[in-house]
Amino acid sequence: MIHRIIYRSKATEELTDSELRSLAMFARIRNKAANISGLLLHHNTQVMQVLEGEPEAVKALYAKIEKDSRHKDISLLVNETSEDRIFEDWSMGYRPLDTSAEMDKFFTLTREALKDMMPNDTTDSLKENIRKFSEDSNL
């Protein structure tokens, strides 16, 4: 069994694409060592992240994120156990979303790519959270 957390937050300051790519690179290294996989979506100051892995590791990472001064208005959206990972091969997928066209394309590709990989209820949950993220980010 793996544990999955999906959360949203706002960055306390807007980061450049270069800063975000660097952050994602270090997250990949740390997550790979902790056997955590996931996805990071970012637009302006809006953040949505999926974390999945061993329950203790995922909960410990989320606890660190909650205390991280770079985040504010953190909302836990999904806190569940699952048989399978959604992002099994991604130590941390990162995607900046700059336009509504990019969001639509990403959402379509994600939905199609994940359709057969996830249980229907998780697919609906992830789709709804990505859709809400895009609406709140004005994409």
Protein backbone atom coordinates (compact mmCIF):
# COMPACT_ATOMS: atom_id res chain seq x y z
CA MET A 1 0.00 0.00 0.00
CA ILE A 2 1.14 3.50 -0.76
CA HIS A 3 -0.05 6.79 0.66
CA ARG A 4 -1.12 9.71 -1.53
CA ILE A 5 -1.48 13.34 -0.58
CA ILE A 6 -2.63 16.10 -2.90
CA TYR A 7 -2.41 19.63 -1.61
CA ARG A 8 -2.71 23.19 -2.86
CA SER A 9 -0.92 26.24 -1.59
CA LYS A 10 0.18 29.70 -2.54
CA ALA A 11 3.84 30.60 -2.78
CA THR A 12 4.73 33.51 -0.52
CA GLU A 13 6.54 35.07 -3.47
CA GLU A 14 6.55 34.42 -7.19
CA LEU A 15 9.49 32.31 -8.29
CA THR A 16 11.15 32.43 -11.69
CA ASP A 17 11.01 29.43 -13.98
CA SER A 18 14.72 28.90 -13.35
CA GLU A 19 14.17 28.88 -9.56
CA LEU A 20 11.28 26.43 -9.93
CA ARG A 21 13.27 24.10 -12.17
CA SER A 22 16.10 24.13 -9.62
CA LEU A 23 13.66 23.41 -6.80
CA ALA A 24 12.14 20.54 -8.80
CA MET A 25 15.61 19.11 -9.51
CA PHE A 26 16.47 19.00 -5.80
CA ALA A 27 13.02 17.58 -5.00
CA ARG A 28 13.63 14.78 -7.53
CA ILE A 29 16.89 13.84 -5.79
CA ARG A 30 15.34 13.88 -2.29
CA ASN A 31 12.16 12.14 -3.42
CA LYS A 32 14.02 9.41 -5.25
CA ALA A 33 16.05 8.69 -2.10
CA ALA A 34 12.81 8.52 -0.07
CA ASN A 35 10.96 6.52 -2.78
CA ILE A 36 8.40 9.31 -3.21
CA SER A 37 6.83 10.04 -6.58
CA GLY A 38 4.53 12.81 -7.66
CA LEU A 39 3.69 15.84 -9.70
CA LEU A 40 4.12 19.59 -9.13
CA LEU A 41 1.88 22.05 -10.97
CA HIS A 42 2.64 25.75 -10.72
CA HIS A 43 1.16 28.97 -12.09
CA ASN A 44 2.15 32.39 -10.76
CA THR A 45 1.90 31.80 -7.01
CA GLN A 46 -0.56 28.89 -7.20
CA VAL A 47 0.86 25.44 -6.40
CA MET A 48 -0.70 21.99 -6.53
CA GLN A 49 1.31 18.90 -5.72
CA VAL A 50 0.72 15.16 -5.66
CA LEU A 51 2.95 13.14 -3.32
CA GLU A 52 2.86 9.35 -3.13
CA GLY A 53 4.97 6.66 -1.51
CA GLU A 54 5.45 4.91 1.81
CA PRO A 55 3.01 6.41 4.36
CA GLU A 56 5.68 7.56 6.81
CA ALA A 57 7.79 9.22 4.11
CA VAL A 58 4.85 11.03 2.46
CA LYS A 59 3.43 12.25 5.78
CA ALA A 60 6.87 13.45 6.92
CA LEU A 61 7.40 15.36 3.66
CA TYR A 62 3.95 16.95 3.87
CA ALA A 63 4.65 17.99 7.47
CA LYS A 64 7.84 19.74 6.27
CA ILE A 65 5.89 21.46 3.50
CA GLU A 66 3.31 22.70 6.01
CA LYS A 67 6.12 24.35 8.01
CA ASP A 68 7.94 25.71 4.93
CA SER A 69 7.81 29.53 4.94
CA ARG A 70 7.66 29.54 1.12
CA HIS A 71 4.06 28.23 1.32
CA LYS A 72 0.90 29.82 2.68
CA ASP A 73 -2.79 28.93 2.55
CA ILE A 74 -2.04 25.21 2.36
CA SER A 75 -5.12 23.04 1.76
CA LEU A 76 -5.04 19.26 1.98
CA LEU A 77 -7.22 18.01 -0.88
CA VAL A 78 -6.62 14.25 -0.87
CA ASN A 79 -5.21 12.07 1.91
CA GLU A 80 -5.62 8.42 0.96
CA THR A 81 -4.04 5.01 0.68
CA SER A 82 -3.92 3.14 -2.61
CA GLU A 83 -2.68 -0.09 -4.08
CA ASP A 84 -0.89 1.67 -6.93
CA ARG A 85 0.96 4.86 -7.67
CA ILE A 86 -0.33 7.31 -10.25
CA PHE A 87 3.13 8.72 -11.02
CA GLU A 88 5.21 5.60 -10.50
CA ASP A 89 8.15 6.68 -12.64
CA TRP A 90 8.18 10.36 -11.65
CA SER A 91 10.33 11.27 -8.65
CA MET A 92 8.82 14.71 -9.21
CA GLY A 93 7.20 15.67 -12.46
CA TYR A 94 7.14 19.45 -12.85
CA ARG A 95 5.09 21.50 -15.26
CA PRO A 96 4.78 25.29 -15.34
CA LEU A 97 1.38 26.24 -16.74
CA ASP A 98 1.46 29.63 -18.42
CA THR A 99 -1.72 29.78 -20.49
CA SER A 100 -5.16 28.28 -20.60
CA ALA A 101 -4.21 26.55 -23.87
CA GLU A 102 -1.28 24.87 -22.10
CA MET A 103 -3.57 23.87 -19.24
CA ASP A 104 -6.13 22.39 -21.65
CA LYS A 105 -3.42 20.48 -23.52
CA PHE A 106 -1.82 19.25 -20.29
CA PHE A 107 -5.17 18.23 -18.82
CA THR A 108 -6.13 16.30 -21.97
CA LEU A 109 -2.76 14.55 -22.16
CA THR A 110 -2.82 13.74 -18.45
CA ARG A 111 -6.37 12.42 -18.57
CA GLU A 112 -5.60 10.20 -21.55
CA ALA A 113 -2.29 8.98 -20.17
CA LEU A 114 -3.71 8.17 -16.75
CA LYS A 115 -7.11 6.83 -17.78
CA ASP A 116 -6.08 3.17 -17.68
CA MET A 117 -3.58 3.51 -14.83
CA MET A 118 -5.80 4.74 -12.01
CA PRO A 119 -8.97 3.62 -10.27
CA ASN A 120 -11.95 5.64 -11.50
CA ASP A 121 -12.50 7.45 -8.20
CA THR A 122 -8.86 8.59 -8.07
CA THR A 123 -9.00 9.67 -11.69
CA ASP A 124 -12.08 11.77 -10.97
CA SER A 125 -10.48 13.23 -7.85
CA LEU A 126 -7.27 14.16 -9.64
CA LYS A 127 -9.16 15.58 -12.63
CA GLU A 128 -11.35 17.67 -10.35
CA ASN A 129 -8.36 19.00 -8.42
CA ILE A 130 -6.48 19.89 -11.61
CA ARG A 131 -9.59 21.59 -12.98
CA LYS A 132 -10.08 23.56 -9.75
CA PHE A 133 -6.39 24.52 -9.79
CA SER A 134 -6.74 25.86 -13.33
CA GLU A 135 -9.88 27.85 -12.47
CA ASP A 136 -8.34 29.38 -9.35
CA SER A 137 -5.16 30.19 -11.26
CA ASN A 138 -7.20 31.94 -13.96
CA LEU A 139 -5.82 29.65 -16.66
